[in-house]
Amino acid sequence: MNRAWLYLGIILFIACAQKPIFPEVKKSANNVFADGVYKQDVQVRFKKNNRNESAEFKAILKKTPAEINMYAYVGFGVTLFKLNDNFKDAVEFTTNEPRIEKSKEFFLKMYPLIKEILLLNPNDARLKNTNTFMLAMPPENFPVTVTIQDYVVGETPRELTLENKQHFKFTIITREYAPLSGK
């Protein structure tokens, strides 16, 4: 039985090694983050009731012209939350995890910032001279520093950080990107 798992693992490794992890993004992409499927590692550090707290999870993000879907999970596929945004209705956020339910408001406050970055045009003036720019987080409008590490137009950004030194630091590391079919 163990030998079968070993062979299966080797076959999967070989199959995955044949596929590029970051295929070339078309230079004509309308957004810094092109439409496609992203596999990401997410690290969140925030203050809650004057205590520092942190969380780490994995996410699969699917971005299309019509919607953004995010599925967050921890080891062995245990679902933390699902987020759906069809750009027409209210954002759907579902979770069965009590710890996430307590932080639901935080994630829903962060999402408009993440959405703005996902839809950011590569020609946006904020990206001209630096990969760091400011956004305002509603409803308090406190400043958030956004850093896209080593961003090159036409390439998939590998690391994104949103930070307000008094409140939180949110880091998203893209491990893999796949363009949507037909792109």
C-alpha atoms as a PDB file:
ATOM      1  CA  MET A   1       0.000   0.000   0.000  1.00  0.00           C
ATOM      2  CA  ASN A   2       2.780   2.459   0.924  1.00  0.00           C
ATOM      3  CA  ARG A   3       4.583   1.715  -2.332  1.00  0.00           C
ATOM      4  CA  ALA A   4       1.459   2.683  -4.323  1.00  0.00           C
ATOM      5  CA  TRP A   5       1.362   6.073  -2.557  1.00  0.00           C
ATOM      6  CA  LEU A   6       5.052   6.580  -3.299  1.00  0.00           C
ATOM      7  CA  TYR A   7       4.527   5.868  -7.018  1.00  0.00           C
ATOM      8  CA  LEU A   8       1.486   8.143  -7.099  1.00  0.00           C
ATOM      9  CA  GLY A   9       3.524  10.908  -5.457  1.00  0.00           C
ATOM     10  CA  ILE A  10       6.346  10.512  -7.979  1.00  0.00           C
ATOM     11  CA  ILE A  11       3.897  10.598 -10.906  1.00  0.00           C
ATOM     12  CA  LEU A  12       2.212  13.737  -9.536  1.00  0.00           C
ATOM     13  CA  PHE A  13       5.601  15.386  -8.953  1.00  0.00           C
ATOM     14  CA  ILE A  14       6.693  14.667 -12.523  1.00  0.00           C
ATOM     15  CA  ALA A  15       3.372  15.914 -13.921  1.00  0.00           C
ATOM     16  CA  CYS A  16       3.556  19.119 -11.892  1.00  0.00           C
ATOM     17  CA  ALA A  17       7.197  19.691 -12.793  1.00  0.00           C
ATOM     18  CA  GLN A  18       6.240  19.681 -16.486  1.00  0.00           C
ATOM     19  CA  LYS A  19       3.813  22.600 -16.030  1.00  0.00           C
ATOM     20  CA  PRO A  20       5.255  26.097 -15.528  1.00  0.00           C
ATOM     21  CA  ILE A  21       4.260  27.542 -12.171  1.00  0.00           C
ATOM     22  CA  PHE A  22       4.173  31.107 -13.503  1.00  0.00           C
ATOM     23  CA  PRO A  23       3.279  31.019 -17.203  1.00  0.00           C
ATOM     24  CA  GLU A  24       3.928  34.266 -19.014  1.00  0.00           C
ATOM     25  CA  VAL A  25       1.141  36.779 -18.490  1.00  0.00           C
ATOM     26  CA  LYS A  26       0.060  38.528 -21.654  1.00  0.00           C
ATOM     27  CA  LYS A  27       1.470  42.058 -21.736  1.00  0.00           C
ATOM     28  CA  SER A  28      -1.978  43.341 -22.720  1.00  0.00           C
ATOM     29  CA  ALA A  29      -3.443  42.352 -19.352  1.00  0.00           C
ATOM     30  CA  ASN A  30      -5.785  45.078 -18.097  1.00  0.00           C
ATOM     31  CA  ASN A  31      -4.830  44.536 -14.471  1.00  0.00           C
ATOM     32  CA  VAL A  32      -1.668  44.090 -12.433  1.00  0.00           C
ATOM     33  CA  PHE A  33      -3.173  40.729 -11.429  1.00  0.00           C
ATOM     34  CA  ALA A  34      -4.290  39.136 -14.704  1.00  0.00           C
ATOM     35  CA  ASP A  35      -7.427  37.002 -14.820  1.00  0.00           C
ATOM     36  CA  GLY A  36      -6.643  33.480 -13.727  1.00  0.00           C
ATOM     37  CA  VAL A  37      -6.284  31.167 -10.767  1.00  0.00           C
ATOM     38  CA  TYR A  38      -3.772  31.981  -8.024  1.00  0.00           C
ATOM     39  CA  LYS A  39      -2.554  29.658  -5.260  1.00  0.00           C
ATOM     40  CA  GLN A  40      -1.363  31.754  -2.345  1.00  0.00           C
ATOM     41  CA  ASP A  41       0.049  31.685   1.179  1.00  0.00           C
ATOM     42  CA  VAL A  42      -1.491  34.341   3.416  1.00  0.00           C
ATOM     43  CA  GLN A  43      -0.077  35.693   6.686  1.00  0.00           C
ATOM     44  CA  VAL A  44      -2.199  38.042   8.792  1.00  0.00           C
ATOM     45  CA  ARG A  45      -1.004  39.896  11.879  1.00  0.00           C
ATOM     46  CA  PHE A  46      -3.415  42.220  13.640  1.00  0.00           C
ATOM     47  CA  LYS A  47      -4.225  43.816  16.968  1.00  0.00           C
ATOM     48  CA  LYS A  48      -7.431  42.829  18.699  1.00  0.00           C
ATOM     49  CA  ASN A  49      -8.311  44.161  22.151  1.00  0.00           C
ATOM     50  CA  ASN A  50      -4.728  45.496  22.454  1.00  0.00           C
ATOM     51  CA  ARG A  51      -3.314  41.995  21.848  1.00  0.00           C
ATOM     52  CA  ASN A  52      -1.232  40.952  18.873  1.00  0.00           C
ATOM     53  CA  GLU A  53      -2.776  38.036  17.006  1.00  0.00           C
ATOM     54  CA  SER A  54      -1.782  36.206  13.855  1.00  0.00           C
ATOM     55  CA  ALA A  55      -3.087  33.654  11.409  1.00  0.00           C
ATOM     56  CA  GLU A  56      -1.646  31.826   8.434  1.00  0.00           C
ATOM     57  CA  PHE A  57      -3.586  30.005   5.758  1.00  0.00           C
ATOM     58  CA  LYS A  58      -3.557  29.037   2.111  1.00  0.00           C
ATOM     59  CA  ALA A  59      -5.914  30.486  -0.467  1.00  0.00           C
ATOM     60  CA  ILE A  60      -7.046  29.810  -3.979  1.00  0.00           C
ATOM     61  CA  LEU A  61      -8.173  32.964  -5.736  1.00  0.00           C
ATOM     62  CA  LYS A  62      -9.999  32.900  -9.054  1.00  0.00           C
ATOM     63  CA  LYS A  63     -10.268  36.241 -10.833  1.00  0.00           C
ATOM     64  CA  THR A  64     -12.370  36.695 -13.964  1.00  0.00           C
ATOM     65  CA  PRO A  65     -13.809  39.811 -15.640  1.00  0.00           C
ATOM     66  CA  ALA A  66     -17.160  39.022 -13.969  1.00  0.00           C
ATOM     67  CA  GLU A  67     -16.187  37.935 -10.462  1.00  0.00           C
ATOM     68  CA  ILE A  68     -13.595  37.214  -7.794  1.00  0.00           C
ATOM     69  CA  ASN A  69     -13.796  34.018  -5.737  1.00  0.00           C
ATOM     70  CA  MET A  70     -11.537  33.140  -2.825  1.00  0.00           C
ATOM     71  CA  TYR A  71     -11.323  29.855  -0.963  1.00  0.00           C
ATOM     72  CA  ALA A  72      -9.180  29.901   2.199  1.00  0.00           C
ATOM     73  CA  TYR A  73      -8.062  26.700   3.866  1.00  0.00           C
ATOM     74  CA  VAL A  74      -5.517  25.137   6.202  1.00  0.00           C
ATOM     75  CA  GLY A  75      -3.795  21.747   6.043  1.00  0.00           C
ATOM     76  CA  PHE A  76      -5.599  18.854   4.397  1.00  0.00           C
ATOM     77  CA  GLY A  77      -8.193  21.165   2.852  1.00  0.00           C
ATOM     78  CA  VAL A  78     -10.000  22.233   6.038  1.00  0.00           C
ATOM     79  CA  THR A  79     -12.063  25.212   4.864  1.00  0.00           C
ATOM     80  CA  LEU A  80     -11.673  28.479   6.773  1.00  0.00           C
ATOM     81  CA  PHE A  81     -13.879  30.659   4.601  1.00  0.00           C
ATOM     82  CA  LYS A  82     -15.215  31.288   1.122  1.00  0.00           C
ATOM     83  CA  LEU A  83     -15.646  34.715  -0.416  1.00  0.00           C
ATOM     84  CA  ASN A  84     -17.665  35.445  -3.562  1.00  0.00           C
ATOM     85  CA  ASP A  85     -17.883  38.807  -5.322  1.00  0.00           C
ATOM     86  CA  ASN A  86     -19.831  39.037  -8.586  1.00  0.00           C
ATOM     87  CA  PHE A  87     -19.388  42.858  -8.698  1.00  0.00           C
ATOM     88  CA  LYS A  88     -23.199  43.313  -8.641  1.00  0.00           C
ATOM     89  CA  ASP A  89     -24.460  42.043  -5.296  1.00  0.00           C
ATOM     90  CA  ALA A  90     -23.096  42.242  -1.772  1.00  0.00           C
ATOM     91  CA  VAL A  91     -19.940  40.225  -1.169  1.00  0.00           C
ATOM     92  CA  GLU A  92     -20.755  36.733   0.122  1.00  0.00           C
ATOM     93  CA  PHE A  93     -18.539  35.565   2.984  1.00  0.00           C
ATOM     94  CA  THR A  94     -19.219  32.150   4.508  1.00  0.00           C
ATOM     95  CA  THR A  95     -17.411  30.284   7.251  1.00  0.00           C
ATOM     96  CA  ASN A  96     -18.080  27.495   9.732  1.00  0.00           C
ATOM     97  CA  GLU A  97     -14.934  28.281  11.713  1.00  0.00           C
ATOM     98  CA  PRO A  98     -15.727  30.154  14.988  1.00  0.00           C
ATOM     99  CA  ARG A  99     -12.349  31.972  15.065  1.00  0.00           C
ATOM    100  CA  ILE A 100     -12.889  33.277  11.529  1.00  0.00           C
ATOM    101  CA  GLU A 101     -16.497  34.228  12.309  1.00  0.00           C
ATOM    102  CA  LYS A 102     -15.150  36.470  15.098  1.00  0.00           C
ATOM    103  CA  SER A 103     -12.809  38.159  12.584  1.00  0.00           C
ATOM    104  CA  LYS A 104     -15.318  38.268   9.712  1.00  0.00           C
ATOM    105  CA  GLU A 105     -15.659  42.055   9.981  1.00  0.00           C
ATOM    106  CA  PHE A 106     -11.877  42.460   9.598  1.00  0.00           C
ATOM    107  CA  PHE A 107     -11.786  40.303   6.448  1.00  0.00           C
ATOM    108  CA  LEU A 108     -14.759  42.173   4.976  1.00  0.00           C
ATOM    109  CA  LYS A 109     -12.976  45.493   5.661  1.00  0.00           C
ATOM    110  CA  MET A 110      -9.791  44.195   4.027  1.00  0.00           C
ATOM    111  CA  TYR A 111     -11.507  42.826   0.941  1.00  0.00           C
ATOM    112  CA  PRO A 112     -12.268  46.190  -0.788  1.00  0.00           C
ATOM    113  CA  LEU A 113      -8.561  47.043  -0.538  1.00  0.00           C
ATOM    114  CA  ILE A 114      -7.549  43.672  -1.967  1.00  0.00           C
ATOM    115  CA  LYS A 115     -10.166  44.037  -4.705  1.00  0.00           C
ATOM    116  CA  GLU A 116      -8.846  47.494  -5.622  1.00  0.00           C
ATOM    117  CA  ILE A 117      -5.342  46.035  -5.952  1.00  0.00           C
ATOM    118  CA  LEU A 118      -6.553  43.021  -7.961  1.00  0.00           C
ATOM    119  CA  LEU A 119      -8.269  45.396 -10.402  1.00  0.00           C
ATOM    120  CA  LEU A 120      -5.385  47.905 -10.491  1.00  0.00           C
ATOM    121  CA  ASN A 121      -4.336  48.905 -14.001  1.00  0.00           C
ATOM    122  CA  PRO A 122      -0.603  48.430 -14.739  1.00  0.00           C
ATOM    123  CA  ASN A 123      -0.515  52.040 -15.982  1.00  0.00           C
ATOM    124  CA  ASP A 124      -1.886  53.414 -12.700  1.00  0.00           C
ATOM    125  CA  ALA A 125       0.108  56.500 -11.679  1.00  0.00           C
ATOM    126  CA  ARG A 126       0.641  55.036  -8.195  1.00  0.00           C
ATOM    127  CA  LEU A 127       2.910  52.375  -9.731  1.00  0.00           C
ATOM    128  CA  LYS A 128       5.055  54.723 -11.827  1.00  0.00           C
ATOM    129  CA  ASN A 129       8.057  55.354  -9.583  1.00  0.00           C
ATOM    130  CA  THR A 130       7.615  52.868  -6.794  1.00  0.00           C
ATOM    131  CA  ASN A 131       5.927  49.615  -5.909  1.00  0.00           C
ATOM    132  CA  THR A 132       4.615  51.157  -2.678  1.00  0.00           C
ATOM    133  CA  PHE A 133       1.541  53.369  -2.499  1.00  0.00           C
ATOM    134  CA  MET A 134      -1.197  54.385  -0.065  1.00  0.00           C
ATOM    135  CA  LEU A 135      -4.874  53.429   0.127  1.00  0.00           C
ATOM    136  CA  ALA A 136      -7.544  54.418   2.646  1.00  0.00           C
ATOM    137  CA  MET A 137      -9.386  51.655   4.488  1.00  0.00           C
ATOM    138  CA  PRO A 138     -13.109  52.331   4.853  1.00  0.00           C
ATOM    139  CA  PRO A 139     -15.045  53.247   6.915  1.00  0.00           C
ATOM    140  CA  GLU A 140     -12.384  54.840   9.176  1.00  0.00           C
ATOM    141  CA  ASN A 141     -10.244  55.841   6.165  1.00  0.00           C
ATOM    142  CA  PHE A 142      -7.039  55.158   8.052  1.00  0.00           C
ATOM    143  CA  PRO A 143      -3.972  54.889   5.803  1.00  0.00           C
ATOM    144  CA  VAL A 144      -2.812  51.539   4.493  1.00  0.00           C
ATOM    145  CA  THR A 145       0.598  51.103   2.885  1.00  0.00           C
ATOM    146  CA  VAL A 146       0.502  48.727  -0.081  1.00  0.00           C
ATOM    147  CA  THR A 147       3.732  47.161  -1.338  1.00  0.00           C
ATOM    148  CA  ILE A 148       3.970  44.947  -4.404  1.00  0.00           C
ATOM    149  CA  GLN A 149       7.417  43.357  -4.116  1.00  0.00           C
ATOM    150  CA  ASP A 150       9.604  43.488  -7.233  1.00  0.00           C
ATOM    151  CA  TYR A 151       6.668  44.216  -9.546  1.00  0.00           C
ATOM    152  CA  VAL A 152       7.433  44.107 -13.277  1.00  0.00           C
ATOM    153  CA  VAL A 153       4.668  45.011 -15.738  1.00  0.00           C
ATOM    154  CA  GLY A 154       3.441  41.901 -17.507  1.00  0.00           C
ATOM    155  CA  GLU A 155       4.594  39.487 -14.817  1.00  0.00           C
ATOM    156  CA  THR A 156       2.622  37.914 -12.019  1.00  0.00           C
ATOM    157  CA  PRO A 157       3.282  39.755  -8.725  1.00  0.00           C
ATOM    158  CA  ARG A 158       4.787  37.292  -6.244  1.00  0.00           C
ATOM    159  CA  GLU A 159       4.276  39.170  -2.954  1.00  0.00           C
ATOM    160  CA  LEU A 160       1.801  41.788  -1.809  1.00  0.00           C
ATOM    161  CA  THR A 161       1.739  43.455   1.618  1.00  0.00           C
ATOM    162  CA  LEU A 162      -0.964  45.694   3.089  1.00  0.00           C
ATOM    163  CA  GLU A 163       0.029  47.343   6.358  1.00  0.00           C
ATOM    164  CA  ASN A 164      -1.134  49.852   8.923  1.00  0.00           C
ATOM    165  CA  LYS A 165       1.494  49.821  11.664  1.00  0.00           C
ATOM    166  CA  GLN A 166      -1.055  50.396  14.453  1.00  0.00           C
ATOM    167  CA  HIS A 167      -3.581  47.798  13.313  1.00  0.00           C
ATOM    168  CA  PHE A 168      -2.423  45.029  10.964  1.00  0.00           C
ATOM    169  CA  LYS A 169      -0.033  43.547   8.434  1.00  0.00           C
ATOM    170  CA  PHE A 170      -1.503  41.362   5.696  1.00  0.00           C
ATOM    171  CA  THR A 171       0.966  39.523   3.415  1.00  0.00           C
ATOM    172  CA  ILE A 172      -0.077  37.506   0.360  1.00  0.00           C
ATOM    173  CA  ILE A 173       2.542  35.357  -1.375  1.00  0.00           C
ATOM    174  CA  THR A 174       1.560  33.878  -4.728  1.00  0.00           C
ATOM    175  CA  ARG A 175       2.981  30.373  -5.127  1.00  0.00           C
ATOM    176  CA  GLU A 176       1.370  29.534  -8.447  1.00  0.00           C
ATOM    177  CA  TYR A 177      -0.608  31.236 -11.227  1.00  0.00           C
ATOM    178  CA  ALA A 178      -2.570  29.670 -14.089  1.00  0.00           C
ATOM    179  CA  PRO A 179      -4.294  31.725 -16.789  1.00  0.00           C
ATOM    180  CA  LEU A 180      -7.961  31.039 -17.447  1.00  0.00           C
ATOM    181  CA  SER A 181      -8.755  28.676 -20.310  1.00  0.00           C
ATOM    182  CA  GLY A 182      -8.821  30.396 -23.664  1.00  0.00           C
ATOM    183  CA  LYS A 183      -6.520  33.243 -22.579  1.00  0.00           C
END
